[in-house]
Amino acid sequence: MSAIGILYPGHSAEDDYPALESRLRAEGHDIALPVVHTSVGEDAHRVDALLDLGSGDRLAEGADRLLAQAPGVDAVVWACTSGSFVFVWDGAHEQVEALARRTGRPATSTSLAFVHACRTLGVSRVAVAASYPRDVAQAFVSLLARAGIEVSALGSHEIVTAAEVGTLGRDRVRELVAGVDASGAEAVLVPDTAMHTLGQVAQLEDELGTVVLTANQVSVHHGLALVGPVPTLPWLGTLFAGGTW
């Protein structure tokens, strides 16, 4: 079994993970995705609130509870994009290094998982369809630039709370993703783990005619990649299909 521990802030789209685990088990993949919720001060897509959300104390407390509840985890994912990219490139790496030291397991975050996903697929020019206010979304663009990934278009939707993002239905998610100009981009990135996306990644790719990378998707992929080969799962999009679009 591979067990990837998910540190998830608050409550919004965390049910993506047990739903995925159930489907994986049904298809014969011995993969566990235990979720532990980290504490949240203020639910706000605002830089000061996000710096608090991803603080060392909050993550350390969550990591300790994860090990207590699921001591057999093989890797740890801080499943939060905005709560990692606001720390910029060096800070995002320091964040996961601290988690690795705390747990004794390899660790990553959703922001770094997006970088890993782009590198896995050889993608260097992307469009970003963000739920966040524009200043927060711009911080994600800056982290991608530091990784050598160009953002050709940025869509921001001024949604202030993760709780609201978690209520978006499939049609609204598709509208948000399709609303960014993807011409000239090699992929569309959807950077919010509060958004339910795991059940429609392949459908989004088919409808938009391009690679789609979503926060919960890349988080699981990188977590699995930290401990061994990633299974081929075409229904989770090109990233899990073992090839390029």
Protein backbone atom coordinates (compact mmCIF):
# COMPACT_ATOMS: atom_id res chain seq x y z
CA MET A 1 0.00 0.00 0.00
CA SER A 2 1.00 3.59 -0.64
CA ALA A 3 -0.41 6.04 1.89
CA ILE A 4 -0.22 9.74 1.08
CA GLY A 5 -1.13 11.95 4.03
CA ILE A 6 -3.15 15.03 3.08
CA LEU A 7 -2.91 18.12 5.28
CA TYR A 8 -5.97 20.09 4.29
CA PRO A 9 -6.95 23.54 5.64
CA GLY A 10 -10.50 23.79 6.90
CA HIS A 11 -13.48 22.24 5.12
CA SER A 12 -14.44 22.84 1.50
CA ALA A 13 -13.46 20.20 -1.10
CA GLU A 14 -11.67 17.69 1.12
CA ASP A 15 -14.23 15.06 0.06
CA ASP A 16 -12.42 14.90 -3.30
CA TYR A 17 -9.78 12.75 -1.57
CA PRO A 18 -11.87 9.97 0.02
CA ALA A 19 -13.95 9.81 -3.17
CA LEU A 20 -10.76 9.31 -5.16
CA GLU A 21 -9.46 6.73 -2.69
CA SER A 22 -12.70 4.75 -3.00
CA ARG A 23 -12.47 4.70 -6.79
CA LEU A 24 -8.80 3.72 -6.70
CA ARG A 25 -9.56 0.84 -4.34
CA ALA A 26 -12.46 -0.28 -6.55
CA GLU A 27 -10.04 -0.44 -9.49
CA GLY A 28 -7.51 -2.48 -7.52
CA HIS A 29 -5.04 0.24 -6.52
CA ASP A 30 -3.89 -0.16 -2.92
CA ILE A 31 -3.62 3.56 -2.18
CA ALA A 32 -4.76 5.42 0.93
CA LEU A 33 -5.29 9.18 1.13
CA PRO A 34 -5.88 9.97 4.83
CA VAL A 35 -6.96 13.56 5.37
CA VAL A 36 -6.18 15.66 8.45
CA HIS A 37 -7.58 19.18 8.67
CA THR A 38 -5.19 21.93 9.67
CA SER A 39 -6.48 24.86 11.67
CA VAL A 40 -7.67 28.06 10.03
CA GLY A 41 -7.62 31.54 11.54
CA GLU A 42 -9.57 33.61 9.02
CA ASP A 43 -10.93 32.00 5.86
CA ALA A 44 -9.86 34.68 3.41
CA HIS A 45 -7.96 34.78 0.14
CA ARG A 46 -5.88 37.65 1.44
CA VAL A 47 -2.10 37.57 1.79
CA ASP A 48 -1.93 38.15 5.56
CA ALA A 49 -4.57 35.51 6.25
CA LEU A 50 -2.84 33.04 3.92
CA LEU A 51 0.54 33.56 5.59
CA ASP A 52 -1.14 32.68 8.88
CA LEU A 53 -2.91 29.70 7.29
CA GLY A 54 0.40 28.20 6.16
CA SER A 55 2.39 29.10 9.26
CA GLY A 56 4.85 26.63 10.73
CA ASP A 57 2.88 26.18 13.93
CA ARG A 58 -0.35 25.28 12.13
CA LEU A 59 1.39 22.81 9.83
CA ALA A 60 3.42 21.25 12.64
CA GLU A 61 0.27 20.67 14.69
CA GLY A 62 -1.46 19.14 11.70
CA ALA A 63 1.55 16.95 10.90
CA ASP A 64 1.62 15.61 14.46
CA ARG A 65 -2.08 14.70 14.28
CA LEU A 66 -1.57 13.07 10.89
CA LEU A 67 1.14 10.79 12.27
CA ALA A 68 -1.00 9.98 15.30
CA GLN A 69 -4.01 9.07 13.14
CA ALA A 70 -2.16 7.47 10.20
CA PRO A 71 1.33 6.47 11.39
CA GLY A 72 1.96 4.46 8.22
CA VAL A 73 1.90 7.36 5.78
CA ASP A 74 4.68 7.29 3.20
CA ALA A 75 4.58 10.96 2.20
CA VAL A 76 2.89 14.19 3.23
CA VAL A 77 1.16 16.80 1.06
CA TRP A 78 0.28 20.30 2.27
CA ALA A 79 -2.83 20.43 0.11
CA CYS A 80 -3.13 24.17 -0.19
CA THR A 81 -2.00 26.26 -3.14
CA SER A 82 -2.45 29.79 -1.83
CA GLY A 83 -1.14 28.84 1.61
CA SER A 84 2.12 27.81 -0.02
CA PHE A 85 2.74 30.19 -2.94
CA VAL A 86 2.30 33.28 -0.72
CA PHE A 87 5.59 32.25 0.89
CA VAL A 88 7.26 32.66 -2.54
CA TRP A 89 9.73 30.18 -4.01
CA ASP A 90 12.23 29.86 -1.17
CA GLY A 91 9.58 30.01 1.53
CA ALA A 92 7.47 27.32 -0.16
CA HIS A 93 10.48 25.01 -0.17
CA GLU A 94 11.29 25.82 3.45
CA GLN A 95 7.68 25.01 4.32
CA VAL A 96 7.83 21.47 2.93
CA GLU A 97 11.34 20.90 4.25
CA ALA A 98 10.03 21.68 7.74
CA LEU A 99 7.18 19.19 7.20
CA ALA A 100 9.65 16.54 6.08
CA ARG A 101 11.78 17.07 9.17
CA ARG A 102 8.73 17.00 11.43
CA THR A 103 7.32 13.79 9.97
CA GLY A 104 10.38 11.97 8.73
CA ARG A 105 8.61 11.56 5.38
CA PRO A 106 9.08 13.24 2.00
CA ALA A 107 6.76 16.21 1.67
CA THR A 108 5.41 18.61 -0.90
CA SER A 109 2.75 21.29 -1.26
CA THR A 110 0.20 21.97 -3.96
CA SER A 111 2.18 24.91 -5.35
CA LEU A 112 5.28 22.79 -5.79
CA ALA A 113 3.13 19.97 -7.12
CA PHE A 114 1.98 22.26 -9.93
CA VAL A 115 5.62 22.89 -10.83
CA HIS A 116 6.34 19.15 -10.72
CA ALA A 117 3.32 18.44 -12.94
CA CYS A 118 4.39 21.01 -15.53
CA ARG A 119 7.90 19.59 -15.59
CA THR A 120 6.56 16.04 -15.85
CA LEU A 121 4.59 16.99 -18.96
CA GLY A 122 7.24 19.31 -20.40
CA VAL A 123 4.89 22.30 -20.10
CA SER A 124 6.46 25.76 -19.89
CA ARG A 125 3.64 28.10 -21.02
CA VAL A 126 0.31 28.02 -19.22
CA ALA A 127 -2.93 29.87 -18.63
CA VAL A 128 -4.14 30.19 -15.04
CA ALA A 129 -7.83 30.04 -14.14
CA ALA A 130 -7.86 31.21 -10.52
CA SER A 131 -10.76 31.62 -8.14
CA TYR A 132 -8.76 34.12 -6.05
CA PRO A 133 -8.67 37.91 -6.12
CA ARG A 134 -6.16 39.13 -8.67
CA ASP A 135 -3.40 40.16 -6.24
CA VAL A 136 -3.37 36.69 -4.69
CA ALA A 137 -3.48 35.01 -8.11
CA GLN A 138 -0.53 37.16 -9.16
CA ALA A 139 1.54 35.63 -6.37
CA PHE A 140 0.98 32.22 -7.98
CA VAL A 141 2.11 33.64 -11.31
CA SER A 142 5.29 34.88 -9.63
CA LEU A 143 6.07 31.45 -8.18
CA LEU A 144 5.54 29.82 -11.57
CA ALA A 145 7.85 32.38 -13.17
CA ARG A 146 10.55 31.50 -10.64
CA ALA A 147 10.21 27.91 -11.85
CA GLY A 148 10.62 28.98 -15.48
CA ILE A 149 6.92 28.61 -16.33
CA GLU A 150 5.40 31.48 -18.33
CA VAL A 151 1.79 32.51 -17.72
CA SER A 152 0.24 33.65 -20.99
CA ALA A 153 -3.14 34.55 -19.49
CA LEU A 154 -4.54 34.98 -15.99
CA GLY A 155 -8.18 34.72 -15.04
CA SER A 156 -9.14 35.75 -11.50
CA HIS A 157 -12.63 35.60 -10.04
CA GLU A 158 -12.43 37.59 -6.82
CA ILE A 159 -13.81 34.77 -4.63
CA VAL A 160 -12.68 35.71 -1.14
CA THR A 161 -13.25 32.52 0.86
CA ALA A 162 -12.41 28.85 0.40
CA ALA A 163 -15.83 28.00 1.79
CA GLU A 164 -17.51 29.72 -1.16
CA VAL A 165 -15.19 28.03 -3.66
CA GLY A 166 -16.18 24.68 -2.18
CA THR A 167 -19.82 25.28 -3.11
CA LEU A 168 -19.14 25.71 -6.84
CA GLY A 169 -20.89 23.04 -8.88
CA ARG A 170 -19.59 21.30 -12.00
CA ASP A 171 -21.08 23.84 -14.41
CA ARG A 172 -19.61 26.79 -12.52
CA VAL A 173 -16.20 25.10 -12.36
CA ARG A 174 -16.30 24.48 -16.09
CA GLU A 175 -17.29 28.10 -16.71
CA LEU A 176 -14.41 29.35 -14.58
CA VAL A 177 -11.86 27.09 -16.28
CA ALA A 178 -13.16 27.81 -19.78
CA GLY A 179 -13.18 31.54 -19.13
CA VAL A 180 -9.43 32.00 -19.35
CA ASP A 181 -7.79 32.57 -22.74
CA ALA A 182 -5.87 29.34 -23.33
CA SER A 183 -4.71 30.18 -26.86
CA GLY A 184 -0.99 29.65 -27.06
CA ALA A 185 -0.85 27.92 -23.68
CA GLU A 186 0.15 24.28 -23.29
CA ALA A 187 -2.09 23.75 -20.25
CA VAL A 188 -4.68 25.45 -18.07
CA LEU A 189 -3.84 25.50 -14.36
CA VAL A 190 -6.66 25.65 -11.79
CA PRO A 191 -4.97 26.46 -8.47
CA ASP A 192 -7.41 25.99 -5.59
CA THR A 193 -7.76 22.84 -3.48
CA ALA A 194 -11.07 24.26 -2.20
CA MET A 195 -12.55 23.56 -5.64
CA HIS A 196 -14.06 20.15 -6.45
CA THR A 197 -12.27 19.04 -9.59
CA LEU A 198 -11.15 15.40 -9.35
CA GLY A 199 -14.40 14.11 -10.82
CA GLN A 200 -14.18 16.15 -14.01
CA VAL A 201 -10.55 16.66 -15.05
CA ALA A 202 -10.71 14.41 -18.12
CA GLN A 203 -14.06 15.92 -19.13
CA LEU A 204 -12.62 19.43 -18.87
CA GLU A 205 -9.68 18.41 -21.08
CA ASP A 206 -12.00 16.91 -23.68
CA GLU A 207 -14.26 19.96 -23.73
CA LEU A 208 -11.46 22.53 -23.79
CA GLY A 209 -9.09 20.60 -26.03
CA THR A 210 -6.07 21.13 -23.83
CA VAL A 211 -4.27 19.79 -20.77
CA VAL A 212 -5.94 20.78 -17.50
CA LEU A 213 -4.05 20.63 -14.21
CA THR A 214 -6.05 21.13 -11.02
CA ALA A 215 -4.94 21.59 -7.44
CA ASN A 216 -6.25 18.35 -5.94
CA GLN A 217 -5.11 16.39 -9.00
CA VAL A 218 -1.49 17.59 -8.90
CA SER A 219 -1.37 17.20 -5.11
CA VAL A 220 -2.18 13.49 -5.33
CA HIS A 221 0.12 12.96 -8.31
CA HIS A 222 3.16 14.53 -6.65
CA GLY A 223 2.46 12.76 -3.37
CA LEU A 224 2.47 9.42 -5.18
CA ALA A 225 5.55 10.38 -7.20
CA LEU A 226 7.46 10.98 -3.96
CA VAL A 227 7.17 7.30 -3.02
CA GLY A 228 7.20 5.39 -6.31
CA PRO A 229 5.67 4.99 -9.78
CA VAL A 230 2.37 6.78 -10.32
CA PRO A 231 -0.40 4.51 -11.62
CA THR A 232 -1.87 5.20 -15.05
CA LEU A 233 -5.34 6.65 -14.54
CA PRO A 234 -6.58 8.32 -17.77
CA TRP A 235 -9.84 9.43 -16.09
CA LEU A 236 -7.69 11.78 -14.00
CA GLY A 237 -6.42 13.60 -17.08
CA THR A 238 -3.26 13.74 -19.15
CA LEU A 239 -1.05 14.05 -16.05
CA PHE A 240 -2.12 10.57 -14.95
CA ALA A 241 -2.29 9.12 -18.47
CA GLY A 242 1.46 8.64 -18.71
CA GLY A 243 1.88 10.73 -21.81
CA THR A 244 1.35 14.12 -23.43
CA TRP A 245 -1.84 15.63 -24.82
